[in-house]
Amino acid sequence: MRPVQRTAHFVLYARSNGLLHARLGVVVAKRLAPRAVTRNTVKRVTRELFRLAELPAMDFVVRLASSVNNRAGAASSTALRKSLRQELLVLFQSQCVSKAPL
């Protein structure tokens, strides 16, 4: 599967699935987010935005491609959550049926 879209931290893969709805897979490697709190935050934000997006009937896989942990801030800080949310919005809006903002 080839990447459809890339951002600073994520890669989005897509493939048609022959169903009437979209499906999501989230891959968050432990080496890129060693703390469970961070991995869960990434997955939670991804699922939330996927649920709100009006996506075509395809299978989507969102993969964390670069490290999000840093020693300067907490793993689940508001700033981290906000930056991840912005990147994921870009990914999902690139695939939306209607290009209205989420």
PDB file of N, CA and C in Angstrom:
ATOM      1  N   MET A   1       0.841  -1.172   0.000  1.00  0.00           N
ATOM      2  CA  MET A   1       0.000   0.000   0.000  1.00  0.00           C
ATOM      3  C   MET A   1       0.892   1.243   0.000  1.00  0.00           C
ATOM      4  N   ARG A   2       0.618   2.169  -0.878  1.00  0.00           N
ATOM      5  CA  ARG A   2       1.402   3.388  -0.970  1.00  0.00           C
ATOM      6  C   ARG A   2       0.783   4.496  -0.125  1.00  0.00           C
ATOM      7  N   PRO A   3       1.635   5.357   0.433  1.00  0.00           N
ATOM      8  CA  PRO A   3       1.100   6.488   1.198  1.00  0.00           C
ATOM      9  C   PRO A   3       0.287   7.422   0.305  1.00  0.00           C
ATOM     10  N   VAL A   4      -0.812   7.890   0.843  1.00  0.00           N
ATOM     11  CA  VAL A   4      -1.663   8.828   0.130  1.00  0.00           C
ATOM     12  C   VAL A   4      -1.270  10.247   0.500  1.00  0.00           C
ATOM     13  N   GLN A   5      -1.011  10.452   1.777  1.00  0.00           N
ATOM     14  CA  GLN A   5      -0.727  11.785   2.289  1.00  0.00           C
ATOM     15  C   GLN A   5       0.274  11.663   3.436  1.00  0.00           C
ATOM     16  N   ARG A   6       1.121  12.685   3.575  1.00  0.00           N
ATOM     17  CA  ARG A   6       2.087  12.729   4.674  1.00  0.00           C
ATOM     18  C   ARG A   6       2.018  14.075   5.367  1.00  0.00           C
ATOM     19  N   THR A   7       2.276  14.056   6.678  1.00  0.00           N
ATOM     20  CA  THR A   7       2.463  15.285   7.443  1.00  0.00           C
ATOM     21  C   THR A   7       3.759  15.113   8.222  1.00  0.00           C
ATOM     22  N   ALA A   8       4.047  16.043   9.109  1.00  0.00           N
ATOM     23  CA  ALA A   8       5.297  15.982   9.872  1.00  0.00           C
ATOM     24  C   ALA A   8       5.400  14.715  10.726  1.00  0.00           C
ATOM     25  N   HIS A   9       4.288  14.255  11.280  1.00  0.00           N
ATOM     26  CA  HIS A   9       4.317  13.101  12.174  1.00  0.00           C
ATOM     27  C   HIS A   9       3.570  11.873  11.670  1.00  0.00           C
ATOM     28  N   PHE A  10       2.722  12.022  10.658  1.00  0.00           N
ATOM     29  CA  PHE A  10       1.844  10.927  10.250  1.00  0.00           C
ATOM     30  C   PHE A  10       1.950  10.606   8.767  1.00  0.00           C
ATOM     31  N   VAL A  11       1.564   9.366   8.447  1.00  0.00           N
ATOM     32  CA  VAL A  11       1.403   8.918   7.063  1.00  0.00           C
ATOM     33  C   VAL A  11       0.019   8.289   6.977  1.00  0.00           C
ATOM     34  N   LEU A  12      -0.719   8.626   5.929  1.00  0.00           N
ATOM     35  CA  LEU A  12      -2.056   8.069   5.710  1.00  0.00           C
ATOM     36  C   LEU A  12      -2.007   7.151   4.499  1.00  0.00           C
ATOM     37  N   TYR A  13      -2.517   5.933   4.674  1.00  0.00           N
ATOM     38  CA  TYR A  13      -2.661   4.972   3.588  1.00  0.00           C
ATOM     39  C   TYR A  13      -4.154   4.763   3.357  1.00  0.00           C
ATOM     40  N   ALA A  14      -4.558   4.554   2.111  1.00  0.00           N
ATOM     41  CA  ALA A  14      -5.977   4.337   1.804  1.00  0.00           C
ATOM     42  C   ALA A  14      -6.118   3.284   0.712  1.00  0.00           C
ATOM     43  N   ARG A  15      -7.202   2.525   0.812  1.00  0.00           N
ATOM     44  CA  ARG A  15      -7.519   1.500  -0.187  1.00  0.00           C
ATOM     45  C   ARG A  15      -9.026   1.290  -0.169  1.00  0.00           C
ATOM     46  N   SER A  16      -9.633   1.135  -1.338  1.00  0.00           N
ATOM     47  CA  SER A  16     -11.076   0.912  -1.379  1.00  0.00           C
ATOM     48  C   SER A  16     -11.391  -0.437  -0.731  1.00  0.00           C
ATOM     49  N   ASN A  17     -12.567  -0.512  -0.079  1.00  0.00           N
ATOM     50  CA  ASN A  17     -12.877  -1.727   0.670  1.00  0.00           C
ATOM     51  C   ASN A  17     -14.138  -2.449   0.192  1.00  0.00           C
ATOM     52  N   GLY A  18     -14.914  -1.853  -0.717  1.00  0.00           N
ATOM     53  CA  GLY A  18     -16.109  -2.515  -1.216  1.00  0.00           C
ATOM     54  C   GLY A  18     -17.264  -2.551  -0.228  1.00  0.00           C
ATOM     55  N   LEU A  19     -17.149  -1.840   0.870  1.00  0.00           N
ATOM     56  CA  LEU A  19     -18.222  -1.765   1.865  1.00  0.00           C
ATOM     57  C   LEU A  19     -18.956  -0.443   1.718  1.00  0.00           C
ATOM     58  N   LEU A  20     -19.925  -0.213   2.569  1.00  0.00           N
ATOM     59  CA  LEU A  20     -20.679   1.035   2.531  1.00  0.00           C
ATOM     60  C   LEU A  20     -20.151   2.071   3.518  1.00  0.00           C
ATOM     61  N   HIS A  21     -19.114   1.727   4.249  1.00  0.00           N
ATOM     62  CA  HIS A  21     -18.577   2.647   5.247  1.00  0.00           C
ATOM     63  C   HIS A  21     -17.050   2.592   5.262  1.00  0.00           C
ATOM     64  N   ALA A  22     -16.463   3.606   5.860  1.00  0.00           N
ATOM     65  CA  ALA A  22     -15.002   3.680   5.980  1.00  0.00           C
ATOM     66  C   ALA A  22     -14.552   2.926   7.231  1.00  0.00           C
ATOM     67  N   ARG A  23     -13.335   2.402   7.175  1.00  0.00           N
ATOM     68  CA  ARG A  23     -12.749   1.730   8.340  1.00  0.00           C
ATOM     69  C   ARG A  23     -11.392   2.352   8.626  1.00  0.00           C
ATOM     70  N   LEU A  24     -10.960   2.253   9.882  1.00  0.00           N
ATOM     71  CA  LEU A  24      -9.721   2.894  10.315  1.00  0.00           C
ATOM     72  C   LEU A  24      -8.808   1.913  11.022  1.00  0.00           C
ATOM     73  N   GLY A  25      -7.525   2.027  10.727  1.00  0.00           N
ATOM     74  CA  GLY A  25      -6.484   1.337  11.468  1.00  0.00           C
ATOM     75  C   GLY A  25      -5.487   2.381  11.930  1.00  0.00           C
ATOM     76  N   VAL A  26      -5.011   2.259  13.159  1.00  0.00           N
ATOM     77  CA  VAL A  26      -4.055   3.219  13.709  1.00  0.00           C
ATOM     78  C   VAL A  26      -2.824   2.455  14.170  1.00  0.00           C
ATOM     79  N   VAL A  27      -1.644   2.886  13.710  1.00  0.00           N
ATOM     80  CA  VAL A  27      -0.387   2.248  14.083  1.00  0.00           C
ATOM     81  C   VAL A  27       0.471   3.285  14.798  1.00  0.00           C
ATOM     82  N   VAL A  28       0.744   3.010  16.079  1.00  0.00           N
ATOM     83  CA  VAL A  28       1.578   3.912  16.874  1.00  0.00           C
ATOM     84  C   VAL A  28       2.688   3.062  17.482  1.00  0.00           C
ATOM     85  N   ALA A  29       3.873   3.138  16.901  1.00  0.00           N
ATOM     86  CA  ALA A  29       4.991   2.309  17.339  1.00  0.00           C
ATOM     87  C   ALA A  29       5.530   2.767  18.692  1.00  0.00           C
ATOM     88  N   LYS A  30       5.903   1.806  19.492  1.00  0.00           N
ATOM     89  CA  LYS A  30       6.435   2.094  20.825  1.00  0.00           C
ATOM     90  C   LYS A  30       7.760   2.852  20.753  1.00  0.00           C
ATOM     91  N   ARG A  31       8.517   2.635  19.713  1.00  0.00           N
ATOM     92  CA  ARG A  31       9.805   3.331  19.608  1.00  0.00           C
ATOM     93  C   ARG A  31       9.627   4.809  19.272  1.00  0.00           C
ATOM     94  N   LEU A  32       8.492   5.187  18.676  1.00  0.00           N
ATOM     95  CA  LEU A  32       8.228   6.584  18.356  1.00  0.00           C
ATOM     96  C   LEU A  32       7.458   7.299  19.457  1.00  0.00           C
ATOM     97  N   ALA A  33       6.762   6.545  20.285  1.00  0.00           N
ATOM     98  CA  ALA A  33       6.023   7.103  21.418  1.00  0.00           C
ATOM     99  C   ALA A  33       6.159   6.114  22.577  1.00  0.00           C
ATOM    100  N   PRO A  34       7.278   6.154  23.297  1.00  0.00           N
ATOM    101  CA  PRO A  34       7.558   5.147  24.321  1.00  0.00           C
ATOM    102  C   PRO A  34       6.562   5.124  25.487  1.00  0.00           C
ATOM    103  N   ARG A  35       5.922   6.239  25.758  1.00  0.00           N
ATOM    104  CA  ARG A  35       4.996   6.289  26.881  1.00  0.00           C
ATOM    105  C   ARG A  35       3.592   5.896  26.435  1.00  0.00           C
ATOM    106  N   ALA A  36       2.960   5.025  27.193  1.00  0.00           N
ATOM    107  CA  ALA A  36       1.614   4.559  26.864  1.00  0.00           C
ATOM    108  C   ALA A  36       0.624   5.713  26.810  1.00  0.00           C
ATOM    109  N   VAL A  37       0.818   6.701  27.655  1.00  0.00           N
ATOM    110  CA  VAL A  37      -0.068   7.869  27.670  1.00  0.00           C
ATOM    111  C   VAL A  37      -0.047   8.560  26.312  1.00  0.00           C
ATOM    112  N   THR A  38       1.126   8.689  25.726  1.00  0.00           N
ATOM    113  CA  THR A  38       1.256   9.337  24.422  1.00  0.00           C
ATOM    114  C   THR A  38       0.621   8.498  23.326  1.00  0.00           C
ATOM    115  N   ARG A  39       0.880   7.204  23.329  1.00  0.00           N
ATOM    116  CA  ARG A  39       0.297   6.323  22.316  1.00  0.00           C
ATOM    117  C   ARG A  39      -1.229   6.359  22.380  1.00  0.00           C
ATOM    118  N   ASN A  40      -1.769   6.316  23.579  1.00  0.00           N
ATOM    119  CA  ASN A  40      -3.219   6.348  23.731  1.00  0.00           C
ATOM    120  C   ASN A  40      -3.797   7.690  23.304  1.00  0.00           C
ATOM    121  N   THR A  41      -3.095   8.775  23.573  1.00  0.00           N
ATOM    122  CA  THR A  41      -3.550  10.102  23.155  1.00  0.00           C
ATOM    123  C   THR A  41      -3.616  10.183  21.640  1.00  0.00           C
ATOM    124  N   VAL A  42      -2.579   9.700  20.970  1.00  0.00           N
ATOM    125  CA  VAL A  42      -2.541   9.717  19.504  1.00  0.00           C
ATOM    126  C   VAL A  42      -3.702   8.907  18.942  1.00  0.00           C
ATOM    127  N   LYS A  43      -3.927   7.724  19.483  1.00  0.00           N
ATOM    128  CA  LYS A  43      -5.007   6.871  18.988  1.00  0.00           C
ATOM    129  C   LYS A  43      -6.377   7.492  19.268  1.00  0.00           C
ATOM    130  N   ARG A  44      -6.545   8.071  20.444  1.00  0.00           N
ATOM    131  CA  ARG A  44      -7.830   8.668  20.809  1.00  0.00           C
ATOM    132  C   ARG A  44      -8.181   9.838  19.893  1.00  0.00           C
ATOM    133  N   VAL A  45      -7.216  10.724  19.656  1.00  0.00           N
ATOM    134  CA  VAL A  45      -7.442  11.882  18.793  1.00  0.00           C
ATOM    135  C   VAL A  45      -7.722  11.427  17.364  1.00  0.00           C
ATOM    136  N   THR A  46      -6.998  10.425  16.893  1.00  0.00           N
ATOM    137  CA  THR A  46      -7.195   9.907  15.538  1.00  0.00           C
ATOM    138  C   THR A  46      -8.596   9.336  15.360  1.00  0.00           C
ATOM    139  N   ARG A  47      -9.031   8.520  16.312  1.00  0.00           N
ATOM    140  CA  ARG A  47     -10.373   7.926  16.222  1.00  0.00           C
ATOM    141  C   ARG A  47     -11.472   8.983  16.274  1.00  0.00           C
ATOM    142  N   GLU A  48     -11.272   9.999  17.113  1.00  0.00           N
ATOM    143  CA  GLU A  48     -12.269  11.066  17.230  1.00  0.00           C
ATOM    144  C   GLU A  48     -12.436  11.811  15.906  1.00  0.00           C
ATOM    145  N   LEU A  49     -11.331  12.196  15.289  1.00  0.00           N
ATOM    146  CA  LEU A  49     -11.400  12.929  14.029  1.00  0.00           C
ATOM    147  C   LEU A  49     -11.905  12.056  12.887  1.00  0.00           C
ATOM    148  N   PHE A  50     -11.570  10.782  12.899  1.00  0.00           N
ATOM    149  CA  PHE A  50     -12.077   9.850  11.891  1.00  0.00           C
ATOM    150  C   PHE A  50     -13.600   9.752  11.984  1.00  0.00           C
ATOM    151  N   ARG A  51     -14.105   9.678  13.200  1.00  0.00           N
ATOM    152  CA  ARG A  51     -15.551   9.573  13.419  1.00  0.00           C
ATOM    153  C   ARG A  51     -16.287  10.808  12.911  1.00  0.00           C
ATOM    154  N   LEU A  52     -15.665  11.986  13.038  1.00  0.00           N
ATOM    155  CA  LEU A  52     -16.308  13.225  12.630  1.00  0.00           C
ATOM    156  C   LEU A  52     -16.191  13.516  11.131  1.00  0.00           C
ATOM    157  N   ALA A  53     -15.222  12.902  10.475  1.00  0.00           N
ATOM    158  CA  ALA A  53     -14.990  13.156   9.050  1.00  0.00           C
ATOM    159  C   ALA A  53     -16.001  12.396   8.191  1.00  0.00           C
ATOM    160  N   GLU A  54     -16.369  12.984   7.076  1.00  0.00           N
ATOM    161  CA  GLU A  54     -17.252  12.318   6.115  1.00  0.00           C
ATOM    162  C   GLU A  54     -16.375  11.698   5.033  1.00  0.00           C
ATOM    163  N   LEU A  55     -15.912  10.508   5.302  1.00  0.00           N
ATOM    164  CA  LEU A  55     -14.955   9.853   4.421  1.00  0.00           C
ATOM    165  C   LEU A  55     -15.647   8.876   3.479  1.00  0.00           C
ATOM    166  N   PRO A  56     -15.052   8.644   2.299  1.00  0.00           N
ATOM    167  CA  PRO A  56     -15.608   7.654   1.370  1.00  0.00           C
ATOM    168  C   PRO A  56     -15.426   6.239   1.916  1.00  0.00           C
ATOM    169  N   ALA A  57     -16.104   5.289   1.325  1.00  0.00           N
ATOM    170  CA  ALA A  57     -16.036   3.892   1.763  1.00  0.00           C
ATOM    171  C   ALA A  57     -14.677   3.303   1.390  1.00  0.00           C
ATOM    172  N   MET A  58     -13.723   3.517   2.266  1.00  0.00           N
ATOM    173  CA  MET A  58     -12.359   3.031   2.054  1.00  0.00           C
ATOM    174  C   MET A  58     -11.786   2.574   3.387  1.00  0.00           C
ATOM    175  N   ASP A  59     -10.710   1.806   3.301  1.00  0.00           N
ATOM    176  CA  ASP A  59      -9.945   1.450   4.490  1.00  0.00           C
ATOM    177  C   ASP A  59      -8.818   2.465   4.626  1.00  0.00           C
ATOM    178  N   PHE A  60      -8.681   3.053   5.808  1.00  0.00           N
ATOM    179  CA  PHE A  60      -7.631   4.025   6.064  1.00  0.00           C
ATOM    180  C   PHE A  60      -6.735   3.511   7.173  1.00  0.00           C
ATOM    181  N   VAL A  61      -5.434   3.675   6.987  1.00  0.00           N
ATOM    182  CA  VAL A  61      -4.467   3.356   8.027  1.00  0.00           C
ATOM    183  C   VAL A  61      -3.660   4.616   8.284  1.00  0.00           C
ATOM    184  N   VAL A  62      -3.667   5.051   9.535  1.00  0.00           N
ATOM    185  CA  VAL A  62      -2.874   6.207   9.953  1.00  0.00           C
ATOM    186  C   VAL A  62      -1.701   5.663  10.750  1.00  0.00           C
ATOM    187  N   ARG A  63      -0.488   5.999  10.316  1.00  0.00           N
ATOM    188  CA  ARG A  63       0.717   5.507  10.976  1.00  0.00           C
ATOM    189  C   ARG A  63       1.535   6.670  11.493  1.00  0.00           C
ATOM    190  N   LEU A  64       1.949   6.585  12.739  1.00  0.00           N
ATOM    191  CA  LEU A  64       2.859   7.580  13.299  1.00  0.00           C
ATOM    192  C   LEU A  64       4.227   7.336  12.672  1.00  0.00           C
ATOM    193  N   ALA A  65       4.790   8.378  12.047  1.00  0.00           N
ATOM    194  CA  ALA A  65       6.021   8.195  11.282  1.00  0.00           C
ATOM    195  C   ALA A  65       7.241   8.830  11.934  1.00  0.00           C
ATOM    196  N   SER A  66       7.031   9.736  12.891  1.00  0.00           N
ATOM    197  CA  SER A  66       8.165  10.329  13.590  1.00  0.00           C
ATOM    198  C   SER A  66       7.810  10.537  15.050  1.00  0.00           C
ATOM    199  N   SER A  67       8.814  10.648  15.870  1.00  0.00           N
ATOM    200  CA  SER A  67       8.646  10.714  17.319  1.00  0.00           C
ATOM    201  C   SER A  67       7.842  11.934  17.755  1.00  0.00           C
ATOM    202  N   VAL A  68       6.950  11.741  18.722  1.00  0.00           N
ATOM    203  CA  VAL A  68       6.163  12.848  19.261  1.00  0.00           C
ATOM    204  C   VAL A  68       6.535  13.165  20.700  1.00  0.00           C
ATOM    205  N   ASN A  69       7.271  12.304  21.354  1.00  0.00           N
ATOM    206  CA  ASN A  69       7.686  12.563  22.739  1.00  0.00           C
ATOM    207  C   ASN A  69       8.860  13.519  22.777  1.00  0.00           C
ATOM    208  N   ASN A  70       8.789  14.428  23.721  1.00  0.00           N
ATOM    209  CA  ASN A  70       9.964  15.244  24.007  1.00  0.00           C
ATOM    210  C   ASN A  70      10.047  15.443  25.503  1.00  0.00           C
ATOM    211  N   ARG A  71      11.224  15.711  25.987  1.00  0.00           N
ATOM    212  CA  ARG A  71      11.429  15.836  27.427  1.00  0.00           C
ATOM    213  C   ARG A  71      10.942  17.178  27.962  1.00  0.00           C
ATOM    214  N   ALA A  72      10.718  18.133  27.073  1.00  0.00           N
ATOM    215  CA  ALA A  72      10.324  19.469  27.510  1.00  0.00           C
ATOM    216  C   ALA A  72       8.879  19.516  27.994  1.00  0.00           C
ATOM    217  N   GLY A  73       7.990  18.718  27.399  1.00  0.00           N
ATOM    218  CA  GLY A  73       6.577  18.797  27.749  1.00  0.00           C
ATOM    219  C   GLY A  73       5.997  17.447  28.102  1.00  0.00           C
ATOM    220  N   ALA A  74       4.858  17.482  28.761  1.00  0.00           N
ATOM    221  CA  ALA A  74       4.172  16.243  29.122  1.00  0.00           C
ATOM    222  C   ALA A  74       3.661  15.540  27.870  1.00  0.00           C
ATOM    223  N   ALA A  75       3.541  14.229  27.963  1.00  0.00           N
ATOM    224  CA  ALA A  75       3.137  13.430  26.808  1.00  0.00           C
ATOM    225  C   ALA A  75       1.707  13.721  26.364  1.00  0.00           C
ATOM    226  N   SER A  76       0.858  14.091  27.282  1.00  0.00           N
ATOM    227  CA  SER A  76      -0.533  14.357  26.920  1.00  0.00           C
ATOM    228  C   SER A  76      -0.879  15.835  27.076  1.00  0.00           C
ATOM    229  N   SER A  77       0.098  16.687  26.873  1.00  0.00           N
ATOM    230  CA  SER A  77      -0.117  18.122  27.049  1.00  0.00           C
ATOM    231  C   SER A  77      -1.102  18.660  26.013  1.00  0.00           C
ATOM    232  N   THR A  78      -1.670  19.789  26.323  1.00  0.00           N
ATOM    233  CA  THR A  78      -2.623  20.423  25.421  1.00  0.00           C
ATOM    234  C   THR A  78      -1.949  20.816  24.114  1.00  0.00           C
ATOM    235  N   ALA A  79      -0.713  21.282  24.191  1.00  0.00           N
ATOM    236  CA  ALA A  79       0.004  21.681  22.979  1.00  0.00           C
ATOM    237  C   ALA A  79       0.231  20.492  22.051  1.00  0.00           C
ATOM    238  N   LEU A  80       0.615  19.355  22.610  1.00  0.00           N
ATOM    239  CA  LEU A  80       0.826  18.145  21.799  1.00  0.00           C
ATOM    240  C   LEU A  80      -0.489  17.712  21.165  1.00  0.00           C
ATOM    241  N   ARG A  81      -1.535  17.679  21.954  1.00  0.00           N
ATOM    242  CA  ARG A  81      -2.840  17.259  21.449  1.00  0.00           C
ATOM    243  C   ARG A  81      -3.312  18.183  20.327  1.00  0.00           C
ATOM    244  N   LYS A  82      -3.098  19.471  20.495  1.00  0.00           N
ATOM    245  CA  LYS A  82      -3.519  20.443  19.487  1.00  0.00           C
ATOM    246  C   LYS A  82      -2.738  20.269  18.187  1.00  0.00           C
ATOM    247  N   SER A  83      -1.426  20.069  18.281  1.00  0.00           N
ATOM    248  CA  SER A  83      -0.620  19.900  17.064  1.00  0.00           C
ATOM    249  C   SER A  83      -0.964  18.598  16.340  1.00  0.00           C
ATOM    250  N   LEU A  84      -1.189  17.520  17.088  1.00  0.00           N
ATOM    251  CA  LEU A  84      -1.585  16.253  16.470  1.00  0.00           C
ATOM    252  C   LEU A  84      -2.936  16.391  15.792  1.00  0.00           C
ATOM    253  N   ARG A  85      -3.851  17.078  16.456  1.00  0.00           N
ATOM    254  CA  ARG A  85      -5.189  17.284  15.900  1.00  0.00           C
ATOM    255  C   ARG A  85      -5.116  18.034  14.571  1.00  0.00           C
ATOM    256  N   GLN A  86      -4.277  19.069  14.496  1.00  0.00           N
ATOM    257  CA  GLN A  86      -4.143  19.851  13.264  1.00  0.00           C
ATOM    258  C   GLN A  86      -3.609  18.993  12.120  1.00  0.00           C
ATOM    259  N   GLU A  87      -2.602  18.183  12.405  1.00  0.00           N
ATOM    260  CA  GLU A  87      -2.035  17.319  11.363  1.00  0.00           C
ATOM    261  C   GLU A  87      -3.052  16.281  10.886  1.00  0.00           C
ATOM    262  N   LEU A  88      -3.783  15.703  11.818  1.00  0.00           N
ATOM    263  CA  LEU A  88      -4.769  14.696  11.448  1.00  0.00           C
ATOM    264  C   LEU A  88      -5.928  15.311  10.674  1.00  0.00           C
ATOM    265  N   LEU A  89      -6.297  16.535  11.000  1.00  0.00           N
ATOM    266  CA  LEU A  89      -7.334  17.227  10.236  1.00  0.00           C
ATOM    267  C   LEU A  89      -6.919  17.375   8.778  1.00  0.00           C
ATOM    268  N   VAL A  90      -5.664  17.725   8.553  1.00  0.00           N
ATOM    269  CA  VAL A  90      -5.148  17.868   7.187  1.00  0.00           C
ATOM    270  C   VAL A  90      -5.250  16.533   6.456  1.00  0.00           C
ATOM    271  N   LEU A  91      -4.866  15.445   7.125  1.00  0.00           N
ATOM    272  CA  LEU A  91      -4.922  14.126   6.496  1.00  0.00           C
ATOM    273  C   LEU A  91      -6.349  13.736   6.123  1.00  0.00           C
ATOM    274  N   PHE A  92      -7.266  13.867   7.063  1.00  0.00           N
ATOM    275  CA  PHE A  92      -8.638  13.432   6.804  1.00  0.00           C
ATOM    276  C   PHE A  92      -9.361  14.364   5.847  1.00  0.00           C
ATOM    277  N   GLN A  93      -9.084  15.654   5.906  1.00  0.00           N
ATOM    278  CA  GLN A  93      -9.739  16.577   4.974  1.00  0.00           C
ATOM    279  C   GLN A  93      -9.281  16.344   3.541  1.00  0.00           C
ATOM    280  N   SER A  94      -8.081  15.821   3.369  1.00  0.00           N
ATOM    281  CA  SER A  94      -7.615  15.522   2.016  1.00  0.00           C
ATOM    282  C   SER A  94      -8.409  14.377   1.396  1.00  0.00           C
ATOM    283  N   GLN A  95      -9.096  13.582   2.224  1.00  0.00           N
ATOM    284  CA  GLN A  95      -9.844  12.415   1.736  1.00  0.00           C
ATOM    285  C   GLN A  95     -11.350  12.580   1.873  1.00  0.00           C
ATOM    286  N   CYS A  96     -11.817  13.676   2.451  1.00  0.00           N
ATOM    287  CA  CYS A  96     -13.250  13.868   2.709  1.00  0.00           C
ATOM    288  C   CYS A  96     -14.066  13.929   1.438  1.00  0.00           C
ATOM    289  N   VAL A  97     -15.293  13.440   1.523  1.00  0.00           N
ATOM    290  CA  VAL A  97     -16.246  13.503   0.423  1.00  0.00           C
ATOM    291  C   VAL A  97     -16.639  14.960   0.196  1.00  0.00           C
ATOM    292  N   SER A  98     -17.102  15.621   1.267  1.00  0.00           N
ATOM    293  CA  SER A  98     -17.389  17.046   1.196  1.00  0.00           C
ATOM    294  C   SER A  98     -16.251  17.768   1.882  1.00  0.00           C
ATOM    295  N   LYS A  99     -15.692  18.753   1.241  1.00  0.00           N
ATOM    296  CA  LYS A  99     -14.513  19.420   1.757  1.00  0.00           C
ATOM    297  C   LYS A  99     -14.818  20.452   2.847  1.00  0.00           C
ATOM    298  N   ALA A 100     -15.969  20.328   3.517  1.00  0.00           N
ATOM    299  CA  ALA A 100     -16.318  21.227   4.617  1.00  0.00           C
ATOM    300  C   ALA A 100     -15.398  20.958   5.807  1.00  0.00           C
ATOM    301  N   PRO A 101     -15.056  21.998   6.573  1.00  0.00           N
ATOM    302  CA  PRO A 101     -14.193  21.804   7.736  1.00  0.00           C
ATOM    303  C   PRO A 101     -14.872  20.944   8.801  1.00  0.00           C
ATOM    304  N   LEU A 102     -14.063  20.175   9.519  1.00  0.00           N
ATOM    305  CA  LEU A 102     -14.613  19.286  10.554  1.00  0.00           C
ATOM    306  C   LEU A 102     -15.017  20.045  11.769  1.00  0.00           C
TER     307      LEU A 102
END
